[in-house]
């Protein structure tokens, strides 16, 4: 928006027309009478536009500067149109070549993705079987671990009794029993992570292959 558009006057407007338009806008957008959020900003623009257009020298400089910018913009547009008209389309040819290369690359990537999906789909039943076996195995391990834990808890109690009696090797029996009982308690929780991890892996593969 240029200064003429701000004041709402034609480029050929005389001083009286500019003053009249300025006064009307000042009455409308003065911060004392207009509470809009942008009223103060627009009021400052009105002041600046009037300051320039009401001064003959400033107005002439402003018009010359605008005419120069408009002329340069028109020349650039004409040069671009001439290039397009007379076939100077090197950039267009390069862009077309790039688009063709990207299209070929896109097709190649799509083929690779399809092949990868087929390959991963073959692993889904295998992972499901491993998940089932590991789940059953984790249950068996949990049962065995409980038996071992209770046995060595009993050994721990025996070790405490031996230490209390002062028998030789009582401390060794106590420490070994505590360690084995602790391992037997923790081991099922470690083993159960295997089927959980396999299940997550299977779901990830299924989601990728079948786009669930």
C-alpha atoms as a PDB file:
ATOM      1  CA  UNK A   1       0.000   0.000   0.000  1.00  0.00           C
ATOM      2  CA  UNK A   2       1.504   3.343  -1.082  1.00  0.00           C
ATOM      3  CA  UNK A   3       0.895   6.779   0.375  1.00  0.00           C
ATOM      4  CA  UNK A   4      -1.804   7.617  -2.179  1.00  0.00           C
ATOM      5  CA  UNK A   5      -3.722   4.496  -1.256  1.00  0.00           C
ATOM      6  CA  UNK A   6      -3.362   5.269   2.450  1.00  0.00           C
ATOM      7  CA  UNK A   7      -4.969   8.692   1.974  1.00  0.00           C
ATOM      8  CA  UNK A   8      -7.434   7.345  -0.579  1.00  0.00           C
ATOM      9  CA  UNK A   9      -6.552   9.857  -3.309  1.00  0.00           C
ATOM     10  CA  UNK A  10      -5.467   9.619  -6.929  1.00  0.00           C
ATOM     11  CA  UNK A  11      -1.821  10.105  -7.936  1.00  0.00           C
ATOM     12  CA  UNK A  12      -2.842  13.279  -9.772  1.00  0.00           C
ATOM     13  CA  UNK A  13      -4.649  14.737  -6.738  1.00  0.00           C
ATOM     14  CA  UNK A  14      -3.856  18.360  -5.952  1.00  0.00           C
ATOM     15  CA  UNK A  15      -2.932  19.834  -2.582  1.00  0.00           C
ATOM     16  CA  UNK A  16      -6.533  20.654  -1.633  1.00  0.00           C
ATOM     17  CA  UNK A  17      -7.728  17.118  -2.321  1.00  0.00           C
ATOM     18  CA  UNK A  18      -4.855  15.682  -0.271  1.00  0.00           C
ATOM     19  CA  UNK A  19      -5.625  17.996   2.666  1.00  0.00           C
ATOM     20  CA  UNK A  20      -9.332  17.156   2.527  1.00  0.00           C
ATOM     21  CA  UNK A  21      -8.662  13.408   2.523  1.00  0.00           C
ATOM     22  CA  UNK A  22      -6.146  13.802   5.348  1.00  0.00           C
ATOM     23  CA  UNK A  23      -8.592  15.703   7.566  1.00  0.00           C
ATOM     24  CA  UNK A  24     -11.321  13.135   7.052  1.00  0.00           C
ATOM     25  CA  UNK A  25      -8.988  10.272   7.954  1.00  0.00           C
ATOM     26  CA  UNK A  26      -7.625  12.076  11.006  1.00  0.00           C
ATOM     27  CA  UNK A  27     -11.154  12.547  12.332  1.00  0.00           C
ATOM     28  CA  UNK A  28     -11.866   8.853  11.792  1.00  0.00           C
ATOM     29  CA  UNK A  29      -8.634   7.263  13.025  1.00  0.00           C
ATOM     30  CA  UNK A  30      -7.391   9.642  15.710  1.00  0.00           C
ATOM     31  CA  UNK A  31      -6.545   7.541  18.828  1.00  0.00           C
ATOM     32  CA  UNK A  32      -8.792   9.781  20.938  1.00  0.00           C
ATOM     33  CA  UNK A  33     -11.887   8.802  18.944  1.00  0.00           C
ATOM     34  CA  UNK A  34     -10.957   5.354  17.611  1.00  0.00           C
ATOM     35  CA  UNK A  35     -10.305   2.525  20.074  1.00  0.00           C
ATOM     36  CA  UNK A  36      -9.353  -0.107  17.482  1.00  0.00           C
ATOM     37  CA  UNK A  37      -6.094  -1.940  18.166  1.00  0.00           C
ATOM     38  CA  UNK A  38      -4.530  -0.831  14.881  1.00  0.00           C
ATOM     39  CA  UNK A  39      -5.933   2.710  14.908  1.00  0.00           C
ATOM     40  CA  UNK A  40      -2.743   4.244  16.313  1.00  0.00           C
ATOM     41  CA  UNK A  41      -0.559   2.470  13.738  1.00  0.00           C
ATOM     42  CA  UNK A  42      -2.762   3.548  10.838  1.00  0.00           C
ATOM     43  CA  UNK A  43      -2.925   7.078  12.231  1.00  0.00           C
ATOM     44  CA  UNK A  44       0.893   7.253  12.123  1.00  0.00           C
ATOM     45  CA  UNK A  45       0.834   6.032   8.513  1.00  0.00           C
ATOM     46  CA  UNK A  46      -1.677   8.754   7.650  1.00  0.00           C
ATOM     47  CA  UNK A  47       0.603  11.373   9.213  1.00  0.00           C
ATOM     48  CA  UNK A  48       3.631  10.126   7.284  1.00  0.00           C
ATOM     49  CA  UNK A  49       1.726   9.935   3.983  1.00  0.00           C
ATOM     50  CA  UNK A  50       0.400  13.470   4.401  1.00  0.00           C
ATOM     51  CA  UNK A  51       3.835  14.799   5.384  1.00  0.00           C
ATOM     52  CA  UNK A  52       5.336  13.486   2.139  1.00  0.00           C
ATOM     53  CA  UNK A  53       2.490  14.190  -0.292  1.00  0.00           C
ATOM     54  CA  UNK A  54       1.816  17.692   1.035  1.00  0.00           C
ATOM     55  CA  UNK A  55       5.420  18.736   0.394  1.00  0.00           C
ATOM     56  CA  UNK A  56       6.123  19.281  -3.312  1.00  0.00           C
ATOM     57  CA  UNK A  57       9.775  18.236  -3.145  1.00  0.00           C
ATOM     58  CA  UNK A  58       9.145  15.165  -1.009  1.00  0.00           C
ATOM     59  CA  UNK A  59       6.195  14.230  -3.215  1.00  0.00           C
ATOM     60  CA  UNK A  60       8.337  14.495  -6.359  1.00  0.00           C
ATOM     61  CA  UNK A  61      11.091  12.330  -4.847  1.00  0.00           C
ATOM     62  CA  UNK A  62       8.516   9.794  -3.703  1.00  0.00           C
ATOM     63  CA  UNK A  63       6.888   9.631  -7.167  1.00  0.00           C
ATOM     64  CA  UNK A  64      10.244   9.276  -8.913  1.00  0.00           C
ATOM     65  CA  UNK A  65      11.275   6.476  -6.590  1.00  0.00           C
ATOM     66  CA  UNK A  66       7.989   4.630  -7.108  1.00  0.00           C
ATOM     67  CA  UNK A  67       8.177   5.043 -10.876  1.00  0.00           C
ATOM     68  CA  UNK A  68      11.705   3.625 -10.902  1.00  0.00           C
ATOM     69  CA  UNK A  69      10.685   0.582  -8.839  1.00  0.00           C
ATOM     70  CA  UNK A  70       7.662  -0.008 -11.065  1.00  0.00           C
ATOM     71  CA  UNK A  71       9.786   0.280 -14.203  1.00  0.00           C
ATOM     72  CA  UNK A  72      12.374  -2.201 -12.899  1.00  0.00           C
ATOM     73  CA  UNK A  73       9.649  -4.663 -11.945  1.00  0.00           C
ATOM     74  CA  UNK A  74       8.070  -4.350 -15.406  1.00  0.00           C
ATOM     75  CA  UNK A  75      11.427  -4.918 -17.132  1.00  0.00           C
ATOM     76  CA  UNK A  76      12.090  -8.081 -15.125  1.00  0.00           C
ATOM     77  CA  UNK A  77       8.638  -9.411 -15.990  1.00  0.00           C
ATOM     78  CA  UNK A  78       9.148  -8.627 -19.682  1.00  0.00           C
ATOM     79  CA  UNK A  79      12.569 -10.316 -19.700  1.00  0.00           C
ATOM     80  CA  UNK A  80      11.119 -13.437 -18.122  1.00  0.00           C
ATOM     81  CA  UNK A  81       8.280 -13.515 -20.653  1.00  0.00           C
ATOM     82  CA  UNK A  82      10.758 -13.071 -23.522  1.00  0.00           C
ATOM     83  CA  UNK A  83      12.816 -16.029 -22.320  1.00  0.00           C
ATOM     84  CA  UNK A  84       9.734 -18.182 -22.130  1.00  0.00           C
ATOM     85  CA  UNK A  85       8.520 -16.974 -25.519  1.00  0.00           C
ATOM     86  CA  UNK A  86      11.758 -17.542 -27.422  1.00  0.00           C
ATOM     87  CA  UNK A  87      12.624 -20.866 -25.845  1.00  0.00           C
ATOM     88  CA  UNK A  88      15.325 -19.896 -23.387  1.00  0.00           C
ATOM     89  CA  UNK A  89      14.034 -22.552 -21.029  1.00  0.00           C
ATOM     90  CA  UNK A  90      17.184 -24.046 -19.591  1.00  0.00           C
ATOM     91  CA  UNK A  91      15.843 -23.851 -16.048  1.00  0.00           C
ATOM     92  CA  UNK A  92      12.589 -25.527 -17.098  1.00  0.00           C
ATOM     93  CA  UNK A  93      14.525 -28.329 -18.772  1.00  0.00           C
ATOM     94  CA  UNK A  94      16.660 -28.821 -15.674  1.00  0.00           C
ATOM     95  CA  UNK A  95      13.583 -28.872 -13.463  1.00  0.00           C
ATOM     96  CA  UNK A  96      11.942 -31.431 -15.738  1.00  0.00           C
ATOM     97  CA  UNK A  97      15.048 -33.635 -15.604  1.00  0.00           C
ATOM     98  CA  UNK A  98      15.095 -33.396 -11.814  1.00  0.00           C
ATOM     99  CA  UNK A  99      11.417 -34.345 -11.664  1.00  0.00           C
ATOM    100  CA  UNK A 100      12.038 -37.374 -13.879  1.00  0.00           C
ATOM    101  CA  UNK A 101      14.942 -38.504 -11.693  1.00  0.00           C
ATOM    102  CA  UNK A 102      12.854 -38.079  -8.564  1.00  0.00           C
ATOM    103  CA  UNK A 103      10.052 -40.073 -10.185  1.00  0.00           C
ATOM    104  CA  UNK A 104      12.414 -42.950 -11.012  1.00  0.00           C
ATOM    105  CA  UNK A 105      13.877 -42.832  -7.526  1.00  0.00           C
ATOM    106  CA  UNK A 106      10.375 -42.876  -6.037  1.00  0.00           C
ATOM    107  CA  UNK A 107       9.427 -45.982  -8.049  1.00  0.00           C
ATOM    108  CA  UNK A 108      12.636 -47.741  -6.956  1.00  0.00           C
ATOM    109  CA  UNK A 109      11.949 -46.916  -3.299  1.00  0.00           C
ATOM    110  CA  UNK A 110       8.375 -48.202  -3.592  1.00  0.00           C
ATOM    111  CA  UNK A 111       9.629 -51.499  -5.065  1.00  0.00           C
ATOM    112  CA  UNK A 112      12.121 -51.877  -2.204  1.00  0.00           C
ATOM    113  CA  UNK A 113       9.371 -51.224   0.340  1.00  0.00           C
ATOM    114  CA  UNK A 114       7.135 -53.881  -1.249  1.00  0.00           C
ATOM    115  CA  UNK A 115       9.970 -56.434  -1.226  1.00  0.00           C
ATOM    116  CA  UNK A 116      10.764 -55.584   2.394  1.00  0.00           C
ATOM    117  CA  UNK A 117       7.108 -56.040   3.363  1.00  0.00           C
ATOM    118  CA  UNK A 118       7.006 -59.460   1.675  1.00  0.00           C
ATOM    119  CA  UNK A 119      10.189 -60.520   3.467  1.00  0.00           C
ATOM    120  CA  UNK A 120       8.972 -59.303   6.855  1.00  0.00           C
ATOM    121  CA  UNK A 121       5.577 -60.954   6.345  1.00  0.00           C
ATOM    122  CA  UNK A 122       7.366 -64.317   6.208  1.00  0.00           C
ATOM    123  CA  UNK A 123       8.829 -63.661   9.653  1.00  0.00           C
ATOM    124  CA  UNK A 124       5.470 -62.971  11.340  1.00  0.00           C
ATOM    125  CA  UNK A 125       4.533 -66.690  11.794  1.00  0.00           C
ATOM    126  CA  UNK A 126       8.067 -67.484  12.968  1.00  0.00           C
ATOM    127  CA  UNK A 127       7.976 -64.702  15.540  1.00  0.00           C
ATOM    128  CA  UNK A 128       4.493 -65.808  16.651  1.00  0.00           C
ATOM    129  CA  UNK A 129       5.770 -69.357  17.206  1.00  0.00           C
ATOM    130  CA  UNK A 130       8.799 -68.092  19.126  1.00  0.00           C
ATOM    131  CA  UNK A 131       6.504 -65.879  21.206  1.00  0.00           C
ATOM    132  CA  UNK A 132       4.296 -68.873  22.075  1.00  0.00           C
ATOM    133  CA  UNK A 133       7.279 -71.092  22.943  1.00  0.00           C
ATOM    134  CA  UNK A 134       8.903 -68.375  25.045  1.00  0.00           C
ATOM    135  CA  UNK A 135       5.605 -67.733  26.870  1.00  0.00           C
ATOM    136  CA  UNK A 136       5.261 -71.427  27.734  1.00  0.00           C
ATOM    137  CA  UNK A 137       8.943 -71.572  28.629  1.00  0.00           C
ATOM    138  CA  UNK A 138       8.611 -68.506  30.845  1.00  0.00           C
ATOM    139  CA  UNK A 139       5.772 -70.206  32.723  1.00  0.00           C
ATOM    140  CA  UNK A 140       7.843 -73.353  33.238  1.00  0.00           C
ATOM    141  CA  UNK A 141      10.862 -71.311  34.322  1.00  0.00           C
ATOM    142  CA  UNK A 142       8.685 -69.374  36.780  1.00  0.00           C
ATOM    143  CA  UNK A 143       7.455 -72.632  38.325  1.00  0.00           C
ATOM    144  CA  UNK A 144      10.960 -74.111  38.576  1.00  0.00           C
ATOM    145  CA  UNK A 145      12.304 -70.828  39.972  1.00  0.00           C
ATOM    146  CA  UNK A 146       9.691 -70.864  42.727  1.00  0.00           C
ATOM    147  CA  UNK A 147      10.680 -74.409  43.705  1.00  0.00           C
ATOM    148  CA  UNK A 148      14.376 -73.470  43.716  1.00  0.00           C
ATOM    149  CA  UNK A 149      13.649 -70.294  45.665  1.00  0.00           C
ATOM    150  CA  UNK A 150      11.748 -72.162  48.401  1.00  0.00           C
ATOM    151  CA  UNK A 151      14.446 -74.861  48.602  1.00  0.00           C
ATOM    152  CA  UNK A 152      17.202 -72.315  49.044  1.00  0.00           C
ATOM    153  CA  UNK A 153      15.120 -70.269  51.444  1.00  0.00           C
ATOM    154  CA  UNK A 154      15.085 -73.411  53.545  1.00  0.00           C
ATOM    155  CA  UNK A 155      18.855 -73.665  53.038  1.00  0.00           C
ATOM    156  CA  UNK A 156      19.141 -70.037  54.144  1.00  0.00           C
ATOM    157  CA  UNK A 157      17.323 -70.835  57.368  1.00  0.00           C
ATOM    158  CA  UNK A 158      19.630 -73.808  57.869  1.00  0.00           C
ATOM    159  CA  UNK A 159      22.640 -71.566  57.236  1.00  0.00           C
ATOM    160  CA  UNK A 160      21.411 -69.102  59.856  1.00  0.00           C
ATOM    161  CA  UNK A 161      21.092 -71.968  62.333  1.00  0.00           C
ATOM    162  CA  UNK A 162      24.622 -73.195  61.482  1.00  0.00           C
ATOM    163  CA  UNK A 163      26.032 -69.688  61.943  1.00  0.00           C
ATOM    164  CA  UNK A 164      24.206 -69.393  65.239  1.00  0.00           C
ATOM    165  CA  UNK A 165      25.709 -72.717  66.381  1.00  0.00           C
ATOM    166  CA  UNK A 166      29.146 -71.613  65.189  1.00  0.00           C
ATOM    167  CA  UNK A 167      29.575 -74.499  62.777  1.00  0.00           C
ATOM    168  CA  UNK A 168      32.336 -74.288  60.155  1.00  0.00           C
ATOM    169  CA  UNK A 169      31.023 -73.302  56.709  1.00  0.00           C
ATOM    170  CA  UNK A 170      27.805 -71.845  58.073  1.00  0.00           C
ATOM    171  CA  UNK A 171      28.462 -68.385  56.636  1.00  0.00           C
ATOM    172  CA  UNK A 172      29.287 -69.812  53.198  1.00  0.00           C
ATOM    173  CA  UNK A 173      26.070 -71.844  53.158  1.00  0.00           C
ATOM    174  CA  UNK A 174      24.076 -68.792  54.231  1.00  0.00           C
ATOM    175  CA  UNK A 175      25.538 -66.458  51.587  1.00  0.00           C
ATOM    176  CA  UNK A 176      25.217 -68.991  48.743  1.00  0.00           C
ATOM    177  CA  UNK A 177      21.620 -69.768  49.718  1.00  0.00           C
ATOM    178  CA  UNK A 178      20.651 -66.075  49.759  1.00  0.00           C
ATOM    179  CA  UNK A 179      22.269 -65.456  46.347  1.00  0.00           C
ATOM    180  CA  UNK A 180      20.597 -68.471  44.711  1.00  0.00           C
ATOM    181  CA  UNK A 181      17.198 -67.630  46.235  1.00  0.00           C
ATOM    182  CA  UNK A 182      17.469 -64.035  44.994  1.00  0.00           C
ATOM    183  CA  UNK A 183      18.435 -65.162  41.470  1.00  0.00           C
ATOM    184  CA  UNK A 184      15.576 -67.681  41.452  1.00  0.00           C
ATOM    185  CA  UNK A 185      13.182 -64.885  42.450  1.00  0.00           C
ATOM    186  CA  UNK A 186      14.373 -62.421  39.758  1.00  0.00           C
ATOM    187  CA  UNK A 187      14.969 -64.841  36.880  1.00  0.00           C
ATOM    188  CA  UNK A 188      11.276 -65.295  35.863  1.00  0.00           C
ATOM    189  CA  UNK A 189      10.834 -61.525  35.549  1.00  0.00           C
ATOM    190  CA  UNK A 190      13.812 -61.397  33.211  1.00  0.00           C
ATOM    191  CA  UNK A 191      12.627 -64.362  31.123  1.00  0.00           C
ATOM    192  CA  UNK A 192       9.087 -62.959  30.757  1.00  0.00           C
ATOM    193  CA  UNK A 193      10.565 -59.972  28.877  1.00  0.00           C
ATOM    194  CA  UNK A 194      11.399 -62.267  25.937  1.00  0.00           C
ATOM    195  CA  UNK A 195       7.779 -63.011  24.866  1.00  0.00           C
ATOM    196  CA  UNK A 196       6.835 -59.403  25.602  1.00  0.00           C
ATOM    197  CA  UNK A 197       9.602 -58.124  23.317  1.00  0.00           C
ATOM    198  CA  UNK A 198       8.675 -60.648  20.619  1.00  0.00           C
ATOM    199  CA  UNK A 199       5.033 -59.574  20.829  1.00  0.00           C
ATOM    200  CA  UNK A 200       5.945 -55.919  20.396  1.00  0.00           C
ATOM    201  CA  UNK A 201       8.214 -56.770  17.470  1.00  0.00           C
ATOM    202  CA  UNK A 202       5.448 -58.805  15.830  1.00  0.00           C
ATOM    203  CA  UNK A 203       2.939 -55.962  16.157  1.00  0.00           C
ATOM    204  CA  UNK A 204       5.426 -53.477  14.710  1.00  0.00           C
ATOM    205  CA  UNK A 205       6.056 -55.725  11.713  1.00  0.00           C
ATOM    206  CA  UNK A 206       2.338 -56.364  11.176  1.00  0.00           C
ATOM    207  CA  UNK A 207       1.627 -52.647  11.374  1.00  0.00           C
ATOM    208  CA  UNK A 208       4.305 -51.928   8.751  1.00  0.00           C
ATOM    209  CA  UNK A 209       3.396 -54.803   6.424  1.00  0.00           C
ATOM    210  CA  UNK A 210      -0.384 -54.495   6.548  1.00  0.00           C
ATOM    211  CA  UNK A 211      -0.573 -50.735   7.326  1.00  0.00           C
ATOM    212  CA  UNK A 212      -2.805 -51.338  10.327  1.00  0.00           C
END
